[in-house]
Amino acid sequence: MKEQQIYMMGRFILFENEQKKRDFLSDWLIFARILAEPETIQIAAHEPQPFDLAAVLKEFEALALSPASETAIQLASSAGTFAITLQKSGMIEQNVFSEALYFAHEAVITDYWEQRFSANGLYGYLRSYEEYLLANTGNRRMPPWVNSARSIKNERSLSENRAGRDIYEEYLLLSSCWKMYFSRFYFQLYPKPLFFDLQGIEETSQLPEDSLRVTLFKDWRNWEHPANLHYQKLFRQQMGIDQLAPASAAAFQEPYIEFAVDPPQVETLQFYNKNLQPTPKSKASFFTTRRFDVLSHEYVEFRTKGSLNLQAYFPEIDLDRRQMVKYLAIDPRIFADKGFTGFNYYLHRYLDLPVVDPRMKDFQLLFFFFLPPQTLALVPFDRLKTVYHDQKSISGAQEHASAKVEWRFETPRYPITFRFVEVSEDEERSLVRRKRPRLLLPGEVDRLSEAKGNQ
């Protein structure tokens, strides 16, 4: 087995507390010196300088008091690279070192990281550096360092469908890798008990301060083993990571979980097959609904057996107009294929729904593709027509001047209409009643939780 490097990354919230910044920098420096005596130090874009402890401590004191919004510090040695980025309200820490160093100091590393995360962590993980690069760039090898935790986020390259690809949902990081750390702020998206009901993982562990650790498999070096790649993909599916990243082509696949998020409440619906294993929505026969309030910690769970009905695909119902409606926003500008993959996926899926429901004949079925202004002309209509040319019942009008296109299909079981409509962000928000508001920020969660506790 070739020697690998391990990658530690985490974001920590310090809320502009100068003493905490000093302590955080000091602990990080001690940690780096225990593992590998630094040879050089680089601050921001300056040239690397020989490491001098007295000079470094003096520089750290100045940085802790600095109002600068972001400053990167990097320590390098032959054994590893250690970096920290100071931000106005926290820090991002990134360390890369050899497996030999990791196993020689495994207990120290684990204790350091988990104490650090439990006290101030927002998100974090440990994983093979090679796996991280491959998942997020499509390349196994890169220059020895990446300067920012966000610098290669959401890359659209060979990594588009990699299970370990990182995405950001507002200020939270979502990924699938060897060992992941979740702060209590993730409970705005996922009810806490959901983490303890995941399948195909090694374990979920409770840490202090309501933090969690999820370990996917035993040995991070074996990430390329087919079983571990399967577990990595299954975790991503169970967590609905790509459903939370609509800018990704990987989002155009059947969900294993659906979300209704209205902070501070969240509701999730998970899909299981007859063997109670996670499964795509259309194949589900068992369902688990979880409701959680991140402020009061009130939790309700329902487990049912049954089958999907038409409302599972058309959640909005207008009884007066006898319409059932589905809304979806797609921006063709951000896809290399102008959104063809997404449009084709939903057209194909909704032309052959796996449900039997009398409302298919009684209601008009409408599917709206919401597009940003001035993007209707980018939609690959001609290419889509070549896919559905055998749909002899297709009809419709293309009204580019009025910023809308309508396609009507008469399938053997039901009629359905697809409308491609340009709308502003405000119009989209008013039309899509279930459009999710923003997540509460960490400071808001703490302040509101304290206020609720004092009532």
Foldseek 3Di string as FASTA:
>chain_A
DDWFKKKKKFWFFAALDLVVQLVVVVLLQVVCCVLPNFQWKDKAPDDIDGDDPVVVNVVSNVVSPDQDQWMKMWTDDPFWIWIWIDGNGTIMTMIMGIVVSCVVCVVVVVVSVQVRCLVTTAKIDMATQQLQCCLQPVGSDDPRDDGDPCPRAPDPDPNLQQLAGWHDLDPHIDGFHFKIKHALLCCLWPPVVLLQVQPQAPGWDAGHNRMIMTGNDDDRVVCVDVSNSVSSNSVCQQSLVLCSVLLGLNNLDFGQKDWQGAPQKIKMKGFAAPVRHRDGQQRGQKIKIWMAGSQVRDIDIDIDGHHDAPCVVQVDADPVQQAGEAEEEDELVSDPLSCPSNVLSVVVDVLDPSHDDPSLARGAYEYEYEYAPPSPVSHPPVVSCVVVVVQVQWDWDDDVVQQKTKIWGQHPRHIYMYMYHYDHPVVVCVVPVSDYDGRDDPVRSVVSSVVVVVD
